[in-house]
Amino acid sequence: MDVKFNAQANELGPAAETYLLPELVDNLRTRLSRIEGHVRGVKKMLAAQRDCDDVLTQIAGIRAAMAQVAILLLEGHLDACVSDAVRSGEGAEPVVRFKKSLSRALK
């Protein structure tokens, strides 16, 4: 059985019928791996007592990259999960949940 994170239940559970496109998941995983590498680089910069401006520049880049991950995830969520739920007749609830997700992502 396929297992995916069930965000509504906040736990691992059976895979939902609709999920992000595999290409998008791969793209997000690649981006997150790259970001992870940049975070390790910042830790090394701090250990080496590099210039604070340089460290802050790297942190700004990490934040921008994370914002892009969030944008792509939100777009994919809207295109796949929310759209399918609305089309299947779940009413306004998927849109309400999307608005809450969008609000969390923009904080």
C-alpha atoms as a PDB file:
ATOM      1  CA  MET A   1       0.000   0.000   0.000  1.00  0.00           C
ATOM      2  CA  ASP A   2       1.234   3.481  -0.907  1.00  0.00           C
ATOM      3  CA  VAL A   3       1.646   5.767   2.125  1.00  0.00           C
ATOM      4  CA  LYS A   4       1.661   9.543   1.972  1.00  0.00           C
ATOM      5  CA  PHE A   5       1.499  12.292   4.578  1.00  0.00           C
ATOM      6  CA  ASN A   6      -2.101  13.103   5.398  1.00  0.00           C
ATOM      7  CA  ALA A   7      -1.940  16.823   6.183  1.00  0.00           C
ATOM      8  CA  GLN A   8      -5.473  17.016   7.490  1.00  0.00           C
ATOM      9  CA  ALA A   9      -4.904  14.218   9.986  1.00  0.00           C
ATOM     10  CA  ASN A  10      -1.292  15.408  10.513  1.00  0.00           C
ATOM     11  CA  GLU A  11      -0.030  11.834  10.242  1.00  0.00           C
ATOM     12  CA  LEU A  12       1.015   9.187   7.769  1.00  0.00           C
ATOM     13  CA  GLY A  13      -1.928   7.418   6.236  1.00  0.00           C
ATOM     14  CA  PRO A  14      -3.151   5.739   3.070  1.00  0.00           C
ATOM     15  CA  ALA A  15      -2.314   7.621  -0.119  1.00  0.00           C
ATOM     16  CA  ALA A  16      -4.974  10.057  -1.233  1.00  0.00           C
ATOM     17  CA  GLU A  17      -6.591   9.499  -4.610  1.00  0.00           C
ATOM     18  CA  THR A  18      -5.251  12.866  -5.774  1.00  0.00           C
ATOM     19  CA  TYR A  19      -1.738  14.011  -5.070  1.00  0.00           C
ATOM     20  CA  LEU A  20       0.832  16.291  -6.612  1.00  0.00           C
ATOM     21  CA  LEU A  21       2.202  15.397 -10.021  1.00  0.00           C
ATOM     22  CA  PRO A  22       5.298  13.195  -9.711  1.00  0.00           C
ATOM     23  CA  GLU A  23       7.330  15.729 -11.725  1.00  0.00           C
ATOM     24  CA  LEU A  24       6.454  18.446  -9.225  1.00  0.00           C
ATOM     25  CA  VAL A  25       7.351  16.225  -6.273  1.00  0.00           C
ATOM     26  CA  ASP A  26      10.734  15.500  -7.887  1.00  0.00           C
ATOM     27  CA  ASN A  27      11.264  19.211  -8.532  1.00  0.00           C
ATOM     28  CA  LEU A  28      10.426  20.088  -4.920  1.00  0.00           C
ATOM     29  CA  ARG A  29      12.676  17.349  -3.550  1.00  0.00           C
ATOM     30  CA  THR A  30      15.561  18.583  -5.717  1.00  0.00           C
ATOM     31  CA  ARG A  31      15.038  22.156  -4.581  1.00  0.00           C
ATOM     32  CA  LEU A  32      14.873  21.116  -0.926  1.00  0.00           C
ATOM     33  CA  SER A  33      18.065  19.086  -1.260  1.00  0.00           C
ATOM     34  CA  ARG A  34      19.804  22.110  -2.756  1.00  0.00           C
ATOM     35  CA  ILE A  35      18.499  24.290   0.081  1.00  0.00           C
ATOM     36  CA  GLU A  36      19.682  21.715   2.602  1.00  0.00           C
ATOM     37  CA  GLY A  37      23.161  21.995   1.104  1.00  0.00           C
ATOM     38  CA  HIS A  38      23.057  25.780   1.387  1.00  0.00           C
ATOM     39  CA  VAL A  39      22.039  25.532   5.051  1.00  0.00           C
ATOM     40  CA  ARG A  40      25.015  23.252   5.717  1.00  0.00           C
ATOM     41  CA  GLY A  41      27.175  25.836   3.951  1.00  0.00           C
ATOM     42  CA  VAL A  42      25.892  28.585   6.243  1.00  0.00           C
ATOM     43  CA  LYS A  43      26.704  26.443   9.281  1.00  0.00           C
ATOM     44  CA  LYS A  44      30.255  26.059   7.966  1.00  0.00           C
ATOM     45  CA  MET A  45      30.466  29.796   7.344  1.00  0.00           C
ATOM     46  CA  LEU A  46      29.508  30.438  10.952  1.00  0.00           C
ATOM     47  CA  ALA A  47      32.047  27.907  12.207  1.00  0.00           C
ATOM     48  CA  ALA A  48      34.699  29.617  10.084  1.00  0.00           C
ATOM     49  CA  GLN A  49      33.605  33.013  11.435  1.00  0.00           C
ATOM     50  CA  ARG A  50      32.896  34.359   7.958  1.00  0.00           C
ATOM     51  CA  ASP A  51      31.724  37.923   7.478  1.00  0.00           C
ATOM     52  CA  CYS A  52      28.192  38.457   8.822  1.00  0.00           C
ATOM     53  CA  ASP A  53      27.111  40.209   5.611  1.00  0.00           C
ATOM     54  CA  ASP A  54      28.113  37.145   3.611  1.00  0.00           C
ATOM     55  CA  VAL A  55      26.212  34.851   5.972  1.00  0.00           C
ATOM     56  CA  LEU A  56      23.129  37.067   5.830  1.00  0.00           C
ATOM     57  CA  THR A  57      23.303  37.101   2.027  1.00  0.00           C
ATOM     58  CA  GLN A  58      23.270  33.307   2.024  1.00  0.00           C
ATOM     59  CA  ILE A  59      20.365  33.242   4.471  1.00  0.00           C
ATOM     60  CA  ALA A  60      18.422  35.623   2.217  1.00  0.00           C
ATOM     61  CA  GLY A  61      19.023  33.230  -0.677  1.00  0.00           C
ATOM     62  CA  ILE A  62      17.776  30.300   1.412  1.00  0.00           C
ATOM     63  CA  ARG A  63      14.628  32.211   2.356  1.00  0.00           C
ATOM     64  CA  ALA A  64      13.957  33.088  -1.298  1.00  0.00           C
ATOM     65  CA  ALA A  65      14.471  29.470  -2.335  1.00  0.00           C
ATOM     66  CA  MET A  66      12.087  28.268   0.389  1.00  0.00           C
ATOM     67  CA  ALA A  67       9.506  30.817  -0.765  1.00  0.00           C
ATOM     68  CA  GLN A  68       9.736  29.330  -4.275  1.00  0.00           C
ATOM     69  CA  VAL A  69       9.213  25.841  -2.853  1.00  0.00           C
ATOM     70  CA  ALA A  70       6.119  27.071  -1.027  1.00  0.00           C
ATOM     71  CA  ILE A  71       4.771  28.780  -4.156  1.00  0.00           C
ATOM     72  CA  LEU A  72       5.268  25.690  -6.302  1.00  0.00           C
ATOM     73  CA  LEU A  73       3.697  23.479  -3.643  1.00  0.00           C
ATOM     74  CA  LEU A  74       0.689  25.785  -3.314  1.00  0.00           C
ATOM     75  CA  GLU A  75       0.246  25.891  -7.089  1.00  0.00           C
ATOM     76  CA  GLY A  76       0.458  22.116  -7.328  1.00  0.00           C
ATOM     77  CA  HIS A  77      -1.930  21.707  -4.422  1.00  0.00           C
ATOM     78  CA  LEU A  78      -4.433  24.030  -6.092  1.00  0.00           C
ATOM     79  CA  ASP A  79      -4.073  22.353  -9.495  1.00  0.00           C
ATOM     80  CA  ALA A  80      -4.381  18.801  -8.197  1.00  0.00           C
ATOM     81  CA  CYS A  81      -5.871  18.377  -4.756  1.00  0.00           C
ATOM     82  CA  VAL A  82      -8.163  21.393  -4.470  1.00  0.00           C
ATOM     83  CA  SER A  83      -9.404  21.327  -8.070  1.00  0.00           C
ATOM     84  CA  ASP A  84     -10.182  17.615  -7.918  1.00  0.00           C
ATOM     85  CA  ALA A  85     -11.974  17.986  -4.594  1.00  0.00           C
ATOM     86  CA  VAL A  86     -14.119  20.830  -5.930  1.00  0.00           C
ATOM     87  CA  ARG A  87     -14.908  18.888  -9.129  1.00  0.00           C
ATOM     88  CA  SER A  88     -15.873  15.831  -7.093  1.00  0.00           C
ATOM     89  CA  GLY A  89     -18.540  17.857  -5.321  1.00  0.00           C
ATOM     90  CA  GLU A  90     -16.949  18.500  -1.936  1.00  0.00           C
ATOM     91  CA  GLY A  91     -18.295  22.048  -2.057  1.00  0.00           C
ATOM     92  CA  ALA A  92     -16.451  25.017  -0.612  1.00  0.00           C
ATOM     93  CA  GLU A  93     -14.496  23.056   2.036  1.00  0.00           C
ATOM     94  CA  PRO A  94     -11.409  22.433  -0.176  1.00  0.00           C
ATOM     95  CA  VAL A  95     -11.238  26.142  -0.994  1.00  0.00           C
ATOM     96  CA  VAL A  96     -11.510  27.053   2.686  1.00  0.00           C
ATOM     97  CA  ARG A  97      -8.674  24.621   3.501  1.00  0.00           C
ATOM     98  CA  PHE A  98      -6.587  26.070   0.655  1.00  0.00           C
ATOM     99  CA  LYS A  99      -7.067  29.597   1.982  1.00  0.00           C
ATOM    100  CA  LYS A 100      -5.824  28.430   5.395  1.00  0.00           C
ATOM    101  CA  SER A 101      -2.814  26.773   3.761  1.00  0.00           C
ATOM    102  CA  LEU A 102      -2.085  29.943   1.819  1.00  0.00           C
ATOM    103  CA  SER A 103      -2.320  32.005   4.989  1.00  0.00           C
ATOM    104  CA  ARG A 104       0.140  29.687   6.778  1.00  0.00           C
ATOM    105  CA  ALA A 105       2.559  29.830   3.841  1.00  0.00           C
ATOM    106  CA  LEU A 106       2.536  33.627   3.776  1.00  0.00           C
ATOM    107  CA  LYS A 107       3.343  34.073   7.476  1.00  0.00           C
END
